[in-house]
Amino acid sequence: MKDEDDEVLRLLTDPIIDDLSAHNSFSDTTHKVSPPRVLSLISLIGITYFCVAGGGYGSEVAVSSAPPFYVLLGFLIVPWLWGFPMSLVTAELSCAIPEDGGCVLWAQRAFGDFVAFQVGYYSWVSSMVDLCLYPKMFTSYLLSMTGTTPSFMYTYLMQIGVVWGMAGLNIWGVELVGIVSDIFGVVVLLPFIVLIITALVKGKVDPKVWVQTKWIGENSSNGYQWSLLLSTIVWCTSGFDGVGQLAGEVKDPPRSYPKGMVFTMILTLVSYIFPLLIGMCIDQNFASWQDGHFSNVSSMLGGQWLSLMMGIGGTVSALGLFNCLSCNAARNLFVMAESGFVPKVLDKLHPTRHTPFLSIIVDGIIISVLLILPFDQLLVLDVVLYTFTILIDYIVWAKLKWSDPDMPRPYKIPGGRFAYIWIVAPIGICIFNFVICDLTTKIYGLSASGMGLVFYGIRHLL
């Protein structure tokens, strides 16, 4: 059995080496300036982990949507149909075009400037909106631990501190971002490890809970919210595409990306499934499960000390998510500037740190303004724009696979001519997500996406 597992991992991670000289000639002529390649495999895994998960936080709301068996089954199956295909697409395209820019460069190669501008715009706006969520999460966890309710201005200033503190770290360099992500990862995972060990030692694990397929006891009046379950799992396993923005700064992309994506996928599933297994045994009032509920579970199991540890993990998770996602967003804006889609001044690198410092600063200013908006409105806009981005990414991959089969690909998704089957499920999920959105969400999303067409037209008039 072990030999079979090793063979599967080899097929997924071992790059297929093509004509590397032709591949390198393409990457060398795509951009005049690029940050240095300083990200190791370990750092890439750390950044990818925080782009996707950042601990078990955020999965709690799924518990209230359906009985335990379906929640666990969903986390065991859906990520392989949603997050994993995008991790493979990201690995293949990042190895084929190993430059900063990700979806912008991929779309430019497949369809030209118009589609490249649109997907770059969707990705960047989605990132700006998404990044506003994490300073709010940071202050939410912090204030819940202290039990204080400061004024709006005081809370806003704390959130601004997160934005510019992480901006400074990003300006210093992506290597430091990777190192900090690895450290943050340990801090975030530690409370869940302690939670699991404590539950096992105290004998609080009851496997019968995991196979409940109906609401029983105090949960008998609960409803079944299948769309909430699906959207939560999708949100918890999204973000693999973002690390394609860093392909120009990763050491040995053909080796690092495939291995990094697979390892992160496994780590992400472990981060969600094991805490849920334990948590559902500790607190079986499933209707009460909402965001941040692991702090309540920790308090029930171990008391204030474990709850405090979980809260600290939540604040660090928010910092790690912001740190890594802002790193990706700055590269997106940087490459759009290099491509002439936004003012060229934004493609300047810091004279000593060799980072896109002006793009980082502009992103920080925009996020600082958007922080004033309510959390719910930001989340609605983020989900729709990200769905559009992912949909285009898959279409771009399929187009390049079909129309440019001779493009050097040091790593290829397993399956040969049948590799297209990998993208069927995630495209279906993208369409389903948009269909089940309420009317307000559709209006917000379509309005924001329509602005991309307007901005592209203005760019050509100027």
Protein backbone atom coordinates (compact mmCIF):
# COMPACT_ATOMS: atom_id res chain seq x y z
CA MET A 1 0.00 0.00 0.00
CA LYS A 2 2.82 2.35 0.84
CA ASP A 3 4.41 1.71 -2.57
CA GLU A 4 1.12 2.63 -4.26
CA ASP A 5 0.88 5.85 -2.25
CA ASP A 6 4.46 6.75 -3.15
CA GLU A 7 3.68 6.15 -6.82
CA VAL A 8 0.63 8.45 -6.68
CA LEU A 9 2.67 11.19 -5.02
CA ARG A 10 5.42 10.75 -7.61
CA LEU A 11 2.95 11.16 -10.48
CA LEU A 12 1.58 14.34 -8.93
CA THR A 13 4.84 15.98 -7.97
CA ASP A 14 7.62 14.82 -10.26
CA PRO A 15 8.01 17.39 -13.02
CA ILE A 16 8.21 16.32 -16.62
CA ILE A 17 11.28 18.05 -18.01
CA ASP A 18 10.92 19.45 -21.47
CA ASP A 19 13.17 21.78 -23.43
CA LEU A 20 14.30 24.04 -20.60
CA SER A 21 16.43 26.25 -22.81
CA ALA A 22 13.39 27.31 -24.83
CA HIS A 23 11.43 27.74 -21.59
CA ASN A 24 14.06 30.01 -20.09
CA SER A 25 14.29 32.12 -23.22
CA PHE A 26 10.58 32.93 -22.92
CA SER A 27 10.83 33.90 -19.26
CA ASP A 28 13.88 36.04 -19.84
CA THR A 29 12.19 38.21 -22.46
CA THR A 30 8.83 38.59 -20.75
CA HIS A 31 9.94 41.25 -18.22
CA LYS A 32 12.86 43.64 -18.03
CA VAL A 33 13.04 43.66 -14.24
CA SER A 34 12.19 41.02 -11.69
CA PRO A 35 12.67 40.51 -7.96
CA PRO A 36 15.29 37.88 -7.06
CA ARG A 37 14.50 34.18 -6.58
CA VAL A 38 14.72 33.75 -2.81
CA LEU A 39 11.73 31.57 -1.83
CA SER A 40 12.61 28.02 -0.78
CA LEU A 41 10.17 25.11 -0.87
CA ILE A 42 9.48 25.46 2.87
CA SER A 43 8.76 29.18 2.52
CA LEU A 44 6.50 28.52 -0.47
CA ILE A 45 4.53 26.00 1.59
CA GLY A 46 4.20 28.52 4.43
CA ILE A 47 2.90 31.25 2.13
CA THR A 48 0.56 28.89 0.26
CA TYR A 49 -0.85 27.56 3.54
CA PHE A 50 -1.82 31.06 4.66
CA CYS A 51 -3.20 31.91 1.24
CA VAL A 52 -5.52 28.89 1.54
CA ALA A 53 -6.21 28.10 5.20
CA GLY A 54 -4.27 29.59 8.11
CA GLY A 55 -5.50 27.00 10.63
CA GLY A 56 -8.90 25.47 11.28
CA TYR A 57 -10.50 28.88 11.79
CA GLY A 58 -13.45 29.65 9.52
CA SER A 59 -14.69 26.07 9.23
CA GLU A 60 -16.92 26.29 12.32
CA VAL A 61 -20.04 27.60 10.55
CA ALA A 62 -20.18 24.41 8.46
CA VAL A 63 -21.06 22.42 11.59
CA SER A 64 -24.40 24.23 11.93
CA SER A 65 -25.34 23.62 8.29
CA ALA A 66 -25.77 19.80 8.29
CA PRO A 67 -25.36 16.73 10.54
CA PRO A 68 -21.76 15.72 11.36
CA PHE A 69 -21.49 12.90 8.81
CA TYR A 70 -22.19 15.24 5.89
CA VAL A 71 -19.90 17.96 7.22
CA LEU A 72 -16.99 15.55 7.52
CA LEU A 73 -17.80 13.91 4.18
CA GLY A 74 -17.86 17.35 2.57
CA PHE A 75 -14.42 18.25 3.93
CA LEU A 76 -13.08 14.89 2.76
CA ILE A 77 -14.41 15.15 -0.82
CA VAL A 78 -15.08 18.75 -1.95
CA PRO A 79 -11.49 20.05 -1.49
CA TRP A 80 -10.24 17.41 -3.94
CA LEU A 81 -12.82 18.61 -6.47
CA TRP A 82 -12.27 22.33 -5.84
CA GLY A 83 -8.94 23.31 -4.29
CA PHE A 84 -6.78 20.46 -5.55
CA PRO A 85 -7.41 20.99 -9.30
CA MET A 86 -6.48 24.66 -8.92
CA SER A 87 -3.31 23.70 -7.07
CA LEU A 88 -2.32 21.49 -10.02
CA VAL A 89 -3.20 24.19 -12.58
CA THR A 90 -1.15 26.69 -10.58
CA ALA A 91 1.79 24.30 -10.47
CA GLU A 92 1.72 23.61 -14.22
CA LEU A 93 1.33 27.23 -15.35
CA SER A 94 3.80 28.61 -12.78
CA CYS A 95 6.42 26.15 -14.02
CA ALA A 96 5.62 26.92 -17.66
CA ILE A 97 5.77 30.69 -17.11
CA PRO A 98 8.01 31.11 -14.04
CA GLU A 99 7.59 34.86 -13.61
CA ASP A 100 5.73 37.06 -11.16
CA GLY A 101 2.23 37.76 -12.42
CA GLY A 102 0.31 34.50 -12.26
CA CYS A 103 -3.14 34.79 -13.85
CA VAL A 104 -2.23 37.99 -15.75
CA LEU A 105 0.66 36.38 -17.63
CA TRP A 106 -1.25 33.13 -18.14
CA ALA A 107 -4.23 34.93 -19.70
CA GLN A 108 -1.95 37.16 -21.78
CA ARG A 109 -0.29 34.09 -23.28
CA ALA A 110 -3.63 32.41 -23.98
CA PHE A 111 -5.93 35.25 -25.09
CA GLY A 112 -3.98 38.52 -25.28
CA ASP A 113 -4.26 41.82 -23.45
CA PHE A 114 -8.04 42.16 -23.12
CA VAL A 115 -8.60 38.96 -21.12
CA ALA A 116 -5.33 39.49 -19.24
CA PHE A 117 -6.54 42.92 -18.13
CA GLN A 118 -9.94 41.56 -17.04
CA VAL A 119 -8.59 38.66 -15.00
CA GLY A 120 -5.90 40.88 -13.50
CA TYR A 121 -8.56 43.42 -12.56
CA TYR A 122 -10.87 40.76 -11.06
CA SER A 123 -8.01 39.22 -9.10
CA TRP A 124 -6.71 42.55 -7.81
CA VAL A 125 -10.09 43.96 -6.77
CA SER A 126 -11.01 40.64 -5.15
CA SER A 127 -7.71 40.74 -3.27
CA MET A 128 -8.28 44.31 -2.07
CA VAL A 129 -11.72 43.39 -0.77
CA ASP A 130 -10.51 40.10 0.73
CA LEU A 131 -7.61 41.77 2.48
CA CYS A 132 -9.98 44.09 4.33
CA LEU A 133 -11.49 41.10 6.11
CA TYR A 134 -8.35 40.05 8.00
CA PRO A 135 -7.59 43.24 9.98
CA LYS A 136 -11.24 43.09 11.06
CA MET A 137 -10.81 39.45 12.07
CA PHE A 138 -7.62 40.37 13.96
CA THR A 139 -9.36 43.02 16.06
CA SER A 140 -12.39 40.76 16.57
CA TYR A 141 -10.26 37.97 18.08
CA LEU A 142 -8.14 40.42 20.06
CA LEU A 143 -11.10 42.26 21.57
CA SER A 144 -12.92 39.02 22.38
CA MET A 145 -9.92 37.94 24.45
CA THR A 146 -9.67 41.24 26.32
CA GLY A 147 -13.43 41.64 26.75
CA THR A 148 -13.30 45.32 25.78
CA THR A 149 -15.45 47.30 23.33
CA PRO A 150 -13.39 50.31 22.21
CA SER A 151 -14.68 53.06 19.93
CA PHE A 152 -14.84 52.66 16.16
CA MET A 153 -11.85 54.98 15.72
CA TYR A 154 -9.68 53.03 18.16
CA THR A 155 -10.58 49.74 16.44
CA TYR A 156 -9.94 51.30 13.03
CA LEU A 157 -6.50 52.51 14.11
CA MET A 158 -5.60 48.99 15.26
CA GLN A 159 -6.65 47.68 11.86
CA ILE A 160 -4.55 50.35 10.14
CA GLY A 161 -1.62 49.22 12.26
CA VAL A 162 -2.03 45.68 10.89
CA VAL A 163 -2.13 46.97 7.29
CA TRP A 164 1.03 49.06 7.50
CA GLY A 165 2.93 46.70 9.78
CA MET A 166 2.50 43.90 7.23
CA ALA A 167 3.21 46.35 4.39
CA GLY A 168 6.57 47.13 5.95
CA LEU A 169 7.35 43.43 6.22
CA ASN A 170 6.43 42.94 2.55
CA ILE A 171 8.60 45.83 1.46
CA TRP A 172 11.51 44.27 3.32
CA GLY A 173 11.25 41.16 1.16
CA VAL A 174 9.31 38.04 0.20
CA GLU A 175 11.96 35.87 1.86
CA LEU A 176 11.04 37.40 5.22
CA VAL A 177 7.35 36.96 4.38
CA GLY A 178 8.02 33.24 3.89
CA ILE A 179 10.01 32.88 7.12
CA VAL A 180 7.37 34.71 9.15
CA SER A 181 4.67 32.53 7.56
CA ASP A 182 6.45 29.39 8.72
CA ILE A 183 6.65 30.78 12.27
CA PHE A 184 3.02 31.90 12.20
CA GLY A 185 2.05 28.44 10.95
CA VAL A 186 3.51 26.79 14.06
CA VAL A 187 1.72 29.29 16.33
CA VAL A 188 -1.59 28.75 14.55
CA LEU A 189 -1.44 24.95 14.56
CA LEU A 190 -0.28 24.61 18.19
CA PRO A 191 -3.68 25.38 19.84
CA PHE A 192 -5.40 22.75 17.69
CA ILE A 193 -2.74 20.17 18.52
CA VAL A 194 -3.20 20.90 22.23
CA LEU A 195 -6.99 20.72 21.78
CA ILE A 196 -6.79 17.28 20.17
CA ILE A 197 -4.33 15.87 22.73
CA THR A 198 -6.36 17.23 25.66
CA ALA A 199 -9.57 15.65 24.30
CA LEU A 200 -7.86 12.29 23.84
CA VAL A 201 -6.32 12.36 27.32
CA LYS A 202 -9.66 13.28 28.94
CA GLY A 203 -11.53 10.63 26.95
CA LYS A 204 -13.87 13.12 25.31
CA VAL A 205 -13.78 11.55 21.83
CA ASP A 206 -17.01 9.80 20.80
CA PRO A 207 -16.85 8.38 17.24
CA LYS A 208 -20.63 7.79 17.25
CA VAL A 209 -21.07 11.55 16.82
CA TRP A 210 -19.23 11.49 13.49
CA VAL A 211 -21.68 9.12 11.78
CA GLN A 212 -24.88 11.02 12.64
CA THR A 213 -26.79 11.52 9.39
CA LYS A 214 -29.84 13.19 10.97
CA TRP A 215 -30.37 15.96 13.46
CA ILE A 216 -31.14 14.34 16.82
CA GLY A 217 -31.72 15.49 20.40
CA GLU A 218 -31.30 19.22 20.95
CA ASN A 219 -30.46 19.61 17.24
CA SER A 220 -33.68 17.98 15.97
CA SER A 221 -35.18 21.33 14.91
CA ASN A 222 -32.12 22.35 12.89
CA GLY A 223 -32.48 22.85 9.15
CA TYR A 224 -30.29 21.54 6.34
CA GLN A 225 -28.31 24.33 4.67
CA TRP A 226 -26.48 22.56 1.85
CA SER A 227 -25.45 25.74 0.03
CA LEU A 228 -23.90 27.10 3.24
CA LEU A 229 -21.98 23.85 3.72
CA LEU A 230 -20.66 23.92 0.16
CA SER A 231 -19.76 27.62 0.16
CA THR A 232 -17.94 27.28 3.51
CA ILE A 233 -15.81 24.36 2.30
CA VAL A 234 -15.08 26.16 -0.98
CA TRP A 235 -14.05 29.31 0.88
CA CYS A 236 -11.87 27.30 3.29
CA THR A 237 -9.92 25.65 0.44
CA SER A 238 -9.55 28.57 -1.99
CA GLY A 239 -6.39 30.55 -2.67
CA PHE A 240 -3.96 28.20 -4.42
CA ASP A 241 -4.00 30.37 -7.56
CA GLY A 242 -2.61 33.34 -5.61
CA VAL A 243 0.87 31.85 -5.21
CA GLY A 244 1.22 31.85 -8.99
CA GLN A 245 1.86 35.57 -8.54
CA LEU A 246 5.20 34.69 -6.91
CA ALA A 247 6.58 32.31 -9.55
CA GLY A 248 9.42 34.70 -10.42
CA GLU A 249 10.71 34.64 -6.83
CA VAL A 250 10.60 30.89 -6.17
CA LYS A 251 13.77 28.83 -6.31
CA ASP A 252 13.55 25.94 -8.79
CA PRO A 253 9.83 26.30 -9.67
CA PRO A 254 9.59 22.91 -11.47
CA ARG A 255 10.45 21.15 -8.21
CA SER A 256 9.00 23.54 -5.64
CA TYR A 257 5.52 24.17 -7.03
CA PRO A 258 4.24 20.59 -7.52
CA LYS A 259 5.58 19.39 -4.17
CA GLY A 260 4.51 22.56 -2.39
CA MET A 261 0.95 22.41 -3.71
CA VAL A 262 0.42 18.75 -2.77
CA PHE A 263 1.93 19.16 0.71
CA THR A 264 -0.16 22.28 1.39
CA MET A 265 -3.31 20.50 0.27
CA ILE A 266 -2.71 17.67 2.75
CA LEU A 267 -1.80 20.09 5.56
CA THR A 268 -4.95 22.11 4.87
CA LEU A 269 -7.23 19.08 5.11
CA VAL A 270 -5.57 17.95 8.34
CA SER A 271 -5.97 21.48 9.76
CA TYR A 272 -9.71 21.40 9.18
CA ILE A 273 -10.79 17.78 9.64
CA PHE A 274 -9.09 16.82 12.92
CA PRO A 275 -10.22 19.91 14.88
CA LEU A 276 -13.77 19.35 13.58
CA LEU A 277 -13.68 15.70 14.65
CA ILE A 278 -12.75 16.71 18.18
CA GLY A 279 -14.86 19.86 18.37
CA MET A 280 -18.10 18.11 17.40
CA CYS A 281 -17.56 15.65 20.24
CA ILE A 282 -17.01 18.43 22.79
CA ASP A 283 -19.93 20.71 21.86
CA GLN A 284 -22.84 18.79 20.35
CA ASN A 285 -25.17 21.80 20.28
CA PHE A 286 -24.41 22.16 16.59
CA ALA A 287 -26.85 25.03 15.97
CA SER A 288 -24.66 27.27 18.16
CA TRP A 289 -21.56 26.80 16.00
CA GLN A 290 -20.53 30.06 14.31
CA ASP A 291 -17.27 31.73 13.29
CA GLY A 292 -14.79 31.70 16.17
CA HIS A 293 -16.53 28.81 17.94
CA PHE A 294 -13.30 26.89 18.49
CA SER A 295 -12.59 29.36 21.31
CA ASN A 296 -15.84 28.23 23.00
CA VAL A 297 -14.97 24.57 22.43
CA SER A 298 -11.52 25.16 23.95
CA SER A 299 -13.09 26.82 26.99
CA MET A 300 -15.49 23.89 27.48
CA LEU A 301 -12.66 21.37 27.24
CA GLY A 302 -9.68 23.00 28.93
CA GLY A 303 -10.88 26.22 30.50
CA GLN A 304 -9.69 29.78 30.07
CA TRP A 305 -6.05 28.92 29.33
CA LEU A 306 -6.92 26.84 26.25
CA SER A 307 -9.49 29.37 25.09
CA LEU A 308 -6.85 32.10 25.38
CA MET A 309 -4.38 30.00 23.39
CA MET A 310 -6.99 29.48 20.66
CA GLY A 311 -7.73 33.21 20.59
CA ILE A 312 -4.04 34.04 20.19
CA GLY A 313 -3.90 31.54 17.35
CA GLY A 314 -6.83 33.33 15.71
CA THR A 315 -5.13 36.72 15.84
CA VAL A 316 -1.92 35.27 14.41
CA SER A 317 -3.91 33.49 11.69
CA ALA A 318 -5.45 36.81 10.62
CA LEU A 319 -1.98 38.39 10.50
CA GLY A 320 -0.59 35.50 8.48
CA LEU A 321 -3.44 35.57 5.98
CA PHE A 322 -3.07 39.32 5.47
CA ASN A 323 0.71 39.07 5.22
CA CYS A 324 0.71 36.44 2.45
CA LEU A 325 -2.31 37.59 0.46
CA SER A 326 -1.03 41.18 0.37
CA CYS A 327 2.27 39.84 -0.95
CA ASN A 328 0.42 38.21 -3.86
CA ALA A 329 -1.78 41.25 -4.54
CA ALA A 330 1.23 43.56 -4.84
CA ARG A 331 2.78 41.29 -7.49
CA ASN A 332 -0.49 41.34 -9.42
CA LEU A 333 -0.48 45.15 -9.54
CA PHE A 334 3.25 45.19 -10.30
CA VAL A 335 2.85 42.96 -13.38
CA MET A 336 -0.20 44.87 -14.58
CA ALA A 337 2.01 47.97 -14.50
CA GLU A 338 4.74 46.16 -16.44
CA SER A 339 2.15 45.15 -19.02
CA GLY A 340 0.97 48.75 -19.39
CA PHE A 341 -2.48 48.10 -17.87
CA VAL A 342 -1.97 50.57 -15.00
CA PRO A 343 0.49 53.48 -14.59
CA LYS A 344 4.05 52.32 -15.27
CA VAL A 345 5.38 53.95 -12.11
CA LEU A 346 3.95 51.00 -10.15
CA ASP A 347 6.49 48.60 -11.71
CA LYS A 348 9.37 50.16 -9.77
CA LEU A 349 11.37 47.93 -7.45
CA HIS A 350 12.87 49.12 -4.16
CA PRO A 351 16.51 50.09 -4.83
CA THR A 352 17.93 47.84 -2.09
CA ARG A 353 15.18 45.34 -1.15
CA HIS A 354 14.14 44.64 -4.79
CA THR A 355 10.45 44.46 -3.93
CA PRO A 356 7.52 46.23 -5.71
CA PHE A 357 7.30 48.81 -2.93
CA LEU A 358 5.08 51.32 -4.75
CA SER A 359 2.49 48.63 -5.51
CA ILE A 360 2.59 47.58 -1.85
CA ILE A 361 2.05 51.18 -0.72
CA VAL A 362 -0.84 51.78 -3.15
CA ASP A 363 -2.51 48.56 -2.01
CA GLY A 364 -2.09 49.65 1.61
CA ILE A 365 -3.74 53.02 0.96
CA ILE A 366 -6.72 51.43 -0.81
CA ILE A 367 -7.19 48.80 1.92
CA SER A 368 -7.02 51.51 4.59
CA VAL A 369 -9.95 53.28 2.92
CA LEU A 370 -12.00 50.12 2.30
CA LEU A 371 -11.72 49.11 5.96
CA ILE A 372 -14.53 51.58 6.66
CA LEU A 373 -17.02 49.30 4.83
CA PRO A 374 -19.03 46.67 6.75
CA PHE A 375 -17.68 43.11 6.87
CA ASP A 376 -20.74 41.53 5.20
CA GLN A 377 -20.65 43.79 2.12
CA LEU A 378 -16.95 43.09 1.65
CA LEU A 379 -17.47 39.33 1.88
CA VAL A 380 -20.25 39.36 -0.73
CA LEU A 381 -18.15 41.24 -3.29
CA ASP A 382 -15.09 39.10 -2.60
CA VAL A 383 -16.85 35.78 -3.27
CA VAL A 384 -18.29 36.81 -6.65
CA LEU A 385 -15.12 38.38 -8.05
CA TYR A 386 -12.99 35.46 -6.91
CA THR A 387 -15.39 33.07 -8.66
CA PHE A 388 -14.94 35.00 -11.93
CA THR A 389 -11.15 34.89 -11.52
CA ILE A 390 -11.05 31.14 -10.95
CA LEU A 391 -13.37 30.48 -13.89
CA ILE A 392 -11.10 32.41 -16.25
CA ASP A 393 -8.00 30.67 -14.85
CA TYR A 394 -9.42 27.27 -15.78
CA ILE A 395 -10.44 28.45 -19.24
CA VAL A 396 -6.93 29.86 -19.76
CA TRP A 397 -5.32 26.56 -18.74
CA ALA A 398 -7.60 24.61 -21.10
CA LYS A 399 -6.93 27.05 -23.95
CA LEU A 400 -3.15 26.76 -23.57
CA LYS A 401 -3.41 22.99 -23.30
CA TRP A 402 -5.36 22.88 -26.57
CA SER A 403 -3.83 25.66 -28.67
CA ASP A 404 -0.24 25.67 -27.40
CA PRO A 405 0.63 22.01 -26.75
CA ASP A 406 4.30 22.58 -27.55
CA MET A 407 4.77 25.25 -24.85
CA PRO A 408 7.50 23.90 -22.56
CA ARG A 409 5.91 22.59 -19.39
CA PRO A 410 8.46 21.31 -16.85
CA TYR A 411 5.51 19.98 -14.85
CA LYS A 412 2.32 18.61 -16.42
CA ILE A 413 -0.93 17.70 -14.69
CA PRO A 414 -1.32 13.91 -14.75
CA GLY A 415 -3.77 12.48 -17.26
CA GLY A 416 -2.39 13.40 -20.66
CA ARG A 417 -5.27 14.00 -23.09
CA PHE A 418 -7.72 13.26 -20.27
CA ALA A 419 -6.27 15.95 -17.96
CA TYR A 420 -9.24 18.18 -18.81
CA ILE A 421 -11.35 16.07 -16.48
CA TRP A 422 -9.59 17.79 -13.53
CA ILE A 423 -11.37 21.09 -14.27
CA VAL A 424 -14.93 19.82 -14.83
CA ALA A 425 -15.95 19.78 -11.15
CA PRO A 426 -14.46 23.17 -10.16
CA ILE A 427 -16.02 24.92 -13.17
CA GLY A 428 -19.36 23.39 -12.19
CA ILE A 429 -18.87 24.61 -8.60
CA CYS A 430 -18.04 28.13 -9.88
CA ILE A 431 -21.26 28.27 -11.89
CA PHE A 432 -23.31 26.77 -9.04
CA ASN A 433 -21.90 29.28 -6.55
CA PHE A 434 -22.96 32.18 -8.73
CA VAL A 435 -26.41 30.73 -9.43
CA ILE A 436 -27.25 30.26 -5.73
CA CYS A 437 -26.11 33.80 -4.80
CA ASP A 438 -28.90 36.19 -3.84
CA LEU A 439 -29.84 39.04 -6.17
CA THR A 440 -27.88 41.67 -4.23
CA THR A 441 -24.72 39.58 -4.47
CA LYS A 442 -25.20 39.15 -8.22
CA ILE A 443 -25.71 42.90 -8.70
CA TYR A 444 -22.60 43.77 -6.67
CA GLY A 445 -20.49 41.23 -8.50
CA LEU A 446 -21.66 42.03 -12.02
CA SER A 447 -21.34 45.78 -11.39
CA ALA A 448 -17.79 45.43 -10.11
CA SER A 449 -16.82 43.12 -12.98
CA GLY A 450 -18.44 45.43 -15.52
CA MET A 451 -16.14 48.20 -14.34
CA GLY A 452 -13.28 46.15 -15.74
CA LEU A 453 -14.66 46.69 -19.25
CA VAL A 454 -15.00 50.42 -18.58
CA PHE A 455 -11.46 50.74 -17.25
CA TYR A 456 -10.07 48.81 -20.23
CA GLY A 457 -11.86 51.18 -22.62
CA ILE A 458 -10.57 54.24 -20.74
CA ARG A 459 -7.03 52.85 -20.89
CA HIS A 460 -7.23 52.66 -24.70
CA LEU A 461 -8.69 56.16 -25.01
CA LEU A 462 -5.81 57.53 -22.97
